[in-house]
Structure formats: C-alpha cells, structure tokens
C-alpha cells in the first residue's frame, strides 16, 4: 500500500507481481551476503558493537527474504523457480529457528 502524501486521506494500492517479489527476494539474498561479508570483517577486528548490529541486520534481512519468497510462491506458477525459492526460504527459516533456540538456551539471559 502506498500513501499519497499530497492528499493524506487518499490511499493508492500498488499490487506487486510475482516478478516484483522475485526481484525483492534476490535483492534480499544479495544484501544478506553483503552483511555476512561485513560480519566476517567485524569478527576479525573484534568490534563487538558492530557484530551485534550486523547480527540484528542479518536476522531482519533473513525475515524479509522469507516474506518476499513466500509472496513470490503465492503468486507464481513457475515450478522450477518456485522450488528453488521454497528451498531457500526453508533454509532461512531453519537458520532463524536455530538462532532463536540458541537464545532461549543462553544462560546469560
């Protein structure tokens, strides 16, 4: 949904196609890769504040990749591409469930 700021009471609904969601899905994967590269550098430098921020950014990006991937799967009829997207979405979900499980087991909480 896109708000029209010229008239705050009018709302324009922009419907995204499956190709739009695929583009956003791929962009999210690319950004997640860049965050991982930055995280490697921060680990080498042992910049713990930066590591914490990058971890949070990576988790947020993983959630966005999952969301866009699921939107794509809802709108697409392409089986081969849908299978690749579904596998990637499931891998990100598995990663997030592992992260949340580790947080619950963390004795420092």
N, C-alpha and C. Protein backbone atom coordinates (compact mmCIF):
# COMPACT_ATOMS: atom_id res chain seq x y z
N UNK A 1 0.84 -1.16 0.00
CA UNK A 1 0.00 0.00 0.00
C UNK A 1 0.90 1.23 0.00
N UNK A 2 0.61 2.17 -0.84
CA UNK A 2 1.39 3.39 -0.97
C UNK A 2 0.50 4.56 -0.56
N UNK A 3 0.99 5.37 0.36
CA UNK A 3 0.23 6.55 0.78
C UNK A 3 0.57 7.72 -0.13
N UNK A 4 -0.43 8.46 -0.50
CA UNK A 4 -0.24 9.65 -1.30
C UNK A 4 -0.09 10.84 -0.34
N UNK A 5 1.11 11.43 -0.27
CA UNK A 5 1.36 12.49 0.70
C UNK A 5 0.76 13.82 0.28
N UNK A 6 0.39 13.98 -0.99
CA UNK A 6 -0.27 15.21 -1.43
C UNK A 6 -1.65 15.30 -0.77
N UNK A 7 -2.31 14.18 -0.68
CA UNK A 7 -3.60 14.10 -0.01
C UNK A 7 -3.53 12.93 0.96
N UNK A 8 -3.33 13.17 2.25
CA UNK A 8 -3.13 12.08 3.20
C UNK A 8 -4.34 11.17 3.37
N UNK A 9 -5.50 11.58 2.87
CA UNK A 9 -6.68 10.76 3.04
C UNK A 9 -6.92 9.81 1.87
N UNK A 10 -6.16 9.97 0.79
CA UNK A 10 -6.31 9.05 -0.33
C UNK A 10 -5.22 7.98 -0.25
N UNK A 11 -5.59 6.76 -0.48
CA UNK A 11 -4.67 5.64 -0.41
C UNK A 11 -4.68 4.92 -1.75
N UNK A 12 -3.49 4.79 -2.34
CA UNK A 12 -3.36 4.06 -3.59
C UNK A 12 -2.80 2.69 -3.28
N UNK A 13 -3.41 1.67 -3.79
CA UNK A 13 -2.93 0.32 -3.57
C UNK A 13 -2.12 -0.10 -4.79
N UNK A 14 -0.85 -0.45 -4.56
CA UNK A 14 0.04 -0.89 -5.62
C UNK A 14 0.19 -2.40 -5.49
N UNK A 15 -0.32 -3.14 -6.45
CA UNK A 15 -0.26 -4.59 -6.40
C UNK A 15 1.03 -5.05 -7.07
N UNK A 16 1.85 -5.77 -6.32
CA UNK A 16 3.11 -6.26 -6.86
C UNK A 16 2.89 -7.62 -7.51
N UNK A 17 3.61 -7.83 -8.61
CA UNK A 17 3.52 -9.10 -9.32
C UNK A 17 4.54 -10.08 -8.75
N UNK A 18 4.48 -11.31 -9.21
CA UNK A 18 5.44 -12.31 -8.74
C UNK A 18 6.86 -11.92 -9.13
N UNK A 19 7.03 -11.28 -10.29
CA UNK A 19 8.38 -10.87 -10.69
C UNK A 19 8.92 -9.77 -9.78
N UNK A 20 8.03 -8.89 -9.28
CA UNK A 20 8.45 -7.88 -8.31
C UNK A 20 8.95 -8.54 -7.03
N UNK A 21 8.20 -9.52 -6.56
CA UNK A 21 8.60 -10.22 -5.33
C UNK A 21 9.88 -11.02 -5.54
N UNK A 22 10.05 -11.59 -6.73
CA UNK A 22 11.27 -12.33 -7.02
C UNK A 22 12.47 -11.38 -7.01
N UNK A 23 12.29 -10.20 -7.59
CA UNK A 23 13.37 -9.21 -7.61
C UNK A 23 13.74 -8.80 -6.18
N UNK A 24 12.74 -8.56 -5.34
CA UNK A 24 12.99 -8.19 -3.95
C UNK A 24 13.62 -9.36 -3.17
N UNK A 25 13.21 -10.57 -3.48
CA UNK A 25 13.77 -11.78 -2.86
C UNK A 25 15.26 -11.89 -3.18
N UNK A 26 15.60 -11.73 -4.46
CA UNK A 26 17.00 -11.81 -4.88
C UNK A 26 17.83 -10.67 -4.29
N UNK A 27 17.24 -9.49 -4.22
CA UNK A 27 17.95 -8.35 -3.62
C UNK A 27 18.22 -8.61 -2.14
N UNK A 28 17.25 -9.21 -1.45
CA UNK A 28 17.43 -9.55 -0.04
C UNK A 28 18.55 -10.56 0.16
N UNK A 29 18.63 -11.54 -0.71
CA UNK A 29 19.70 -12.53 -0.62
C UNK A 29 21.05 -11.86 -0.85
N UNK A 30 21.11 -10.95 -1.81
CA UNK A 30 22.35 -10.23 -2.08
C UNK A 30 22.76 -9.38 -0.87
N UNK A 31 21.81 -8.69 -0.29
CA UNK A 31 22.10 -7.86 0.88
C UNK A 31 22.54 -8.72 2.07
N UNK A 32 21.92 -9.87 2.24
CA UNK A 32 22.32 -10.78 3.32
C UNK A 32 23.76 -11.23 3.12
N UNK A 33 24.14 -11.47 1.88
CA UNK A 33 25.52 -11.85 1.58
C UNK A 33 26.49 -10.73 1.95
N UNK A 34 26.12 -9.50 1.62
CA UNK A 34 26.97 -8.35 1.97
C UNK A 34 27.09 -8.19 3.48
N UNK A 35 26.00 -8.41 4.19
CA UNK A 35 26.04 -8.33 5.66
C UNK A 35 26.97 -9.40 6.21
N UNK A 36 26.90 -10.62 5.66
CA UNK A 36 27.80 -11.70 6.12
C UNK A 36 29.26 -11.32 5.89
N UNK A 37 29.56 -10.70 4.74
CA UNK A 37 30.94 -10.27 4.47
C UNK A 37 31.39 -9.22 5.47
N UNK A 38 30.51 -8.26 5.77
CA UNK A 38 30.85 -7.24 6.77
C UNK A 38 31.04 -7.89 8.14
N UNK A 39 30.24 -8.88 8.43
CA UNK A 39 30.33 -9.57 9.71
C UNK A 39 31.67 -10.29 9.86
N UNK A 40 32.15 -10.88 8.76
CA UNK A 40 33.46 -11.54 8.81
C UNK A 40 34.55 -10.53 9.16
N UNK A 41 34.47 -9.35 8.55
CA UNK A 41 35.46 -8.30 8.84
C UNK A 41 35.37 -7.83 10.28
N UNK A 42 34.15 -7.68 10.79
CA UNK A 42 33.97 -7.23 12.17
C UNK A 42 34.48 -8.29 13.16
N UNK A 43 34.33 -9.56 12.80
CA UNK A 43 34.85 -10.62 13.67
C UNK A 43 36.37 -10.58 13.73
N UNK A 44 36.99 -10.31 12.60
CA UNK A 44 38.45 -10.22 12.57
C UNK A 44 38.92 -9.03 13.41
N UNK A 45 38.20 -7.90 13.30
CA UNK A 45 38.55 -6.70 14.07
C UNK A 45 38.12 -6.80 15.53
N UNK A 46 37.28 -7.76 15.84
CA UNK A 46 36.70 -7.96 17.17
C UNK A 46 35.96 -6.72 17.65
N UNK A 47 35.18 -6.13 16.75
CA UNK A 47 34.34 -4.98 17.06
C UNK A 47 32.97 -5.51 17.48
N UNK A 48 32.78 -5.70 18.79
CA UNK A 48 31.60 -6.40 19.29
C UNK A 48 30.31 -5.62 19.12
N UNK A 49 30.39 -4.30 19.19
CA UNK A 49 29.20 -3.48 18.97
C UNK A 49 28.73 -3.62 17.51
N UNK A 50 29.68 -3.59 16.60
CA UNK A 50 29.35 -3.74 15.18
C UNK A 50 28.82 -5.15 14.90
N UNK A 51 29.40 -6.17 15.54
CA UNK A 51 28.96 -7.54 15.36
C UNK A 51 27.50 -7.69 15.79
N UNK A 52 27.16 -7.11 16.94
CA UNK A 52 25.78 -7.18 17.43
C UNK A 52 24.81 -6.53 16.44
N UNK A 53 25.18 -5.36 15.92
CA UNK A 53 24.32 -4.67 14.96
C UNK A 53 24.18 -5.44 13.65
N UNK A 54 25.29 -6.02 13.18
CA UNK A 54 25.24 -6.80 11.94
C UNK A 54 24.43 -8.08 12.12
N UNK A 55 24.53 -8.70 13.29
CA UNK A 55 23.72 -9.89 13.56
C UNK A 55 22.24 -9.54 13.48
N UNK A 56 21.85 -8.43 14.10
CA UNK A 56 20.45 -7.99 14.07
C UNK A 56 20.02 -7.68 12.64
N UNK A 57 20.89 -7.03 11.88
CA UNK A 57 20.58 -6.70 10.48
C UNK A 57 20.40 -7.97 9.66
N UNK A 58 21.26 -8.97 9.89
CA UNK A 58 21.17 -10.21 9.13
C UNK A 58 19.87 -10.94 9.45
N UNK A 59 19.50 -10.96 10.71
CA UNK A 59 18.24 -11.62 11.10
C UNK A 59 17.05 -10.91 10.46
N UNK A 60 17.05 -9.59 10.50
CA UNK A 60 15.97 -8.83 9.86
C UNK A 60 15.92 -9.07 8.35
N UNK A 61 17.09 -9.16 7.72
CA UNK A 61 17.13 -9.40 6.28
C UNK A 61 16.64 -10.82 5.98
N UNK A 62 16.99 -11.78 6.82
CA UNK A 62 16.51 -13.15 6.63
C UNK A 62 14.98 -13.19 6.71
N UNK A 63 14.41 -12.46 7.64
CA UNK A 63 12.95 -12.40 7.75
C UNK A 63 12.32 -11.79 6.50
N UNK A 64 12.97 -10.76 5.96
CA UNK A 64 12.45 -10.12 4.75
C UNK A 64 12.57 -11.05 3.54
N UNK A 65 13.66 -11.79 3.45
CA UNK A 65 13.82 -12.76 2.36
C UNK A 65 12.72 -13.81 2.44
N UNK A 66 12.44 -14.29 3.63
CA UNK A 66 11.37 -15.28 3.82
C UNK A 66 10.04 -14.69 3.38
N UNK A 67 9.77 -13.47 3.81
CA UNK A 67 8.49 -12.83 3.48
C UNK A 67 8.32 -12.66 1.97
N UNK A 68 9.35 -12.14 1.31
CA UNK A 68 9.26 -11.93 -0.14
C UNK A 68 9.20 -13.26 -0.89
N UNK A 69 9.93 -14.26 -0.39
CA UNK A 69 9.89 -15.58 -1.01
C UNK A 69 8.50 -16.20 -0.93
N UNK A 70 7.86 -16.05 0.23
CA UNK A 70 6.51 -16.59 0.38
C UNK A 70 5.51 -15.85 -0.48
N UNK A 71 5.67 -14.53 -0.60
CA UNK A 71 4.79 -13.77 -1.51
C UNK A 71 4.98 -14.26 -2.94
N UNK A 72 6.24 -14.48 -3.33
CA UNK A 72 6.50 -14.98 -4.68
C UNK A 72 5.83 -16.33 -4.90
N UNK A 73 5.98 -17.22 -3.93
CA UNK A 73 5.39 -18.55 -4.06
C UNK A 73 3.87 -18.49 -4.16
N UNK A 74 3.26 -17.55 -3.47
CA UNK A 74 1.80 -17.39 -3.55
C UNK A 74 1.34 -16.94 -4.93
N UNK A 75 2.16 -16.15 -5.61
CA UNK A 75 1.73 -15.56 -6.88
C UNK A 75 2.28 -16.23 -8.13
N UNK A 76 3.28 -17.10 -7.98
CA UNK A 76 3.95 -17.66 -9.15
C UNK A 76 3.42 -19.05 -9.49
N UNK A 77 3.50 -19.38 -10.78
CA UNK A 77 3.15 -20.72 -11.25
C UNK A 77 4.37 -21.45 -11.81
N UNK A 78 5.54 -20.85 -11.72
CA UNK A 78 6.76 -21.44 -12.24
C UNK A 78 7.29 -22.47 -11.24
N UNK A 79 7.18 -23.75 -11.59
CA UNK A 79 7.52 -24.83 -10.66
C UNK A 79 9.00 -24.87 -10.32
N UNK A 80 9.86 -24.82 -11.34
CA UNK A 80 11.31 -24.93 -11.09
C UNK A 80 11.82 -23.78 -10.23
N UNK A 81 11.46 -22.59 -10.61
CA UNK A 81 11.89 -21.42 -9.86
C UNK A 81 11.26 -21.42 -8.46
N UNK A 82 10.01 -21.81 -8.39
CA UNK A 82 9.32 -21.89 -7.10
C UNK A 82 9.99 -22.88 -6.16
N UNK A 83 10.48 -23.99 -6.71
CA UNK A 83 11.17 -24.99 -5.90
C UNK A 83 12.47 -24.42 -5.33
N UNK A 84 13.21 -23.69 -6.14
CA UNK A 84 14.46 -23.07 -5.66
C UNK A 84 14.16 -22.04 -4.58
N UNK A 85 13.14 -21.23 -4.79
CA UNK A 85 12.77 -20.22 -3.81
C UNK A 85 12.30 -20.89 -2.52
N UNK A 86 11.51 -21.94 -2.64
CA UNK A 86 11.00 -22.64 -1.45
C UNK A 86 12.14 -23.26 -0.63
N UNK A 87 13.13 -23.82 -1.30
CA UNK A 87 14.28 -24.39 -0.59
C UNK A 87 15.04 -23.30 0.15
N UNK A 88 15.24 -22.17 -0.51
CA UNK A 88 15.95 -21.06 0.12
C UNK A 88 15.17 -20.53 1.32
N UNK A 89 13.86 -20.39 1.16
CA UNK A 89 13.01 -19.92 2.26
C UNK A 89 13.11 -20.89 3.44
N UNK A 90 13.05 -22.18 3.17
CA UNK A 90 13.14 -23.17 4.25
C UNK A 90 14.50 -23.13 4.93
N UNK A 91 15.56 -22.88 4.17
CA UNK A 91 16.90 -22.77 4.76
C UNK A 91 16.99 -21.56 5.68
N UNK A 92 16.42 -20.44 5.27
CA UNK A 92 16.42 -19.26 6.12
C UNK A 92 15.56 -19.48 7.36
N UNK A 93 14.43 -20.16 7.22
CA UNK A 93 13.59 -20.47 8.38
C UNK A 93 14.33 -21.37 9.37
N UNK A 94 15.05 -22.35 8.84
CA UNK A 94 15.83 -23.25 9.71
C UNK A 94 16.91 -22.46 10.45
N UNK A 95 17.55 -21.54 9.75
CA UNK A 95 18.56 -20.69 10.38
C UNK A 95 17.94 -19.89 11.52
N UNK A 96 16.80 -19.25 11.27
CA UNK A 96 16.16 -18.43 12.29
C UNK A 96 15.70 -19.27 13.48
N UNK A 97 15.23 -20.48 13.23
CA UNK A 97 14.80 -21.32 14.35
C UNK A 97 16.00 -21.74 15.19
N UNK A 98 17.15 -21.95 14.56
CA UNK A 98 18.37 -22.29 15.28
C UNK A 98 18.82 -21.11 16.14
N UNK A 99 18.76 -19.91 15.58
CA UNK A 99 19.16 -18.72 16.31
C UNK A 99 18.25 -18.50 17.52
N UNK A 100 16.94 -18.63 17.33
CA UNK A 100 16.02 -18.40 18.45
C UNK A 100 16.17 -19.49 19.51
N UNK A 101 16.48 -20.71 19.10
CA UNK A 101 16.69 -21.80 20.06
C UNK A 101 17.94 -21.53 20.90
N UNK A 102 19.00 -21.04 20.26
CA UNK A 102 20.23 -20.72 20.99
C UNK A 102 19.99 -19.60 21.98
N UNK A 103 19.18 -18.62 21.62
CA UNK A 103 18.88 -17.51 22.53
C UNK A 103 18.14 -18.00 23.76
N UNK A 104 17.21 -18.93 23.59
CA UNK A 104 16.44 -19.45 24.72
C UNK A 104 17.33 -20.26 25.65
N UNK A 105 18.35 -20.93 25.10
CA UNK A 105 19.24 -21.75 25.91
C UNK A 105 20.39 -20.95 26.52
N UNK A 106 20.51 -19.68 26.17
CA UNK A 106 21.63 -18.85 26.61
C UNK A 106 21.50 -18.58 28.11
N UNK A 107 22.49 -19.02 28.92
CA UNK A 107 22.39 -18.83 30.37
C UNK A 107 22.61 -17.37 30.79
N UNK A 108 23.15 -16.53 29.90
CA UNK A 108 23.41 -15.13 30.24
C UNK A 108 22.16 -14.29 30.24
N UNK A 109 21.03 -14.83 29.85
CA UNK A 109 19.80 -14.09 29.72
C UNK A 109 19.30 -13.54 31.02
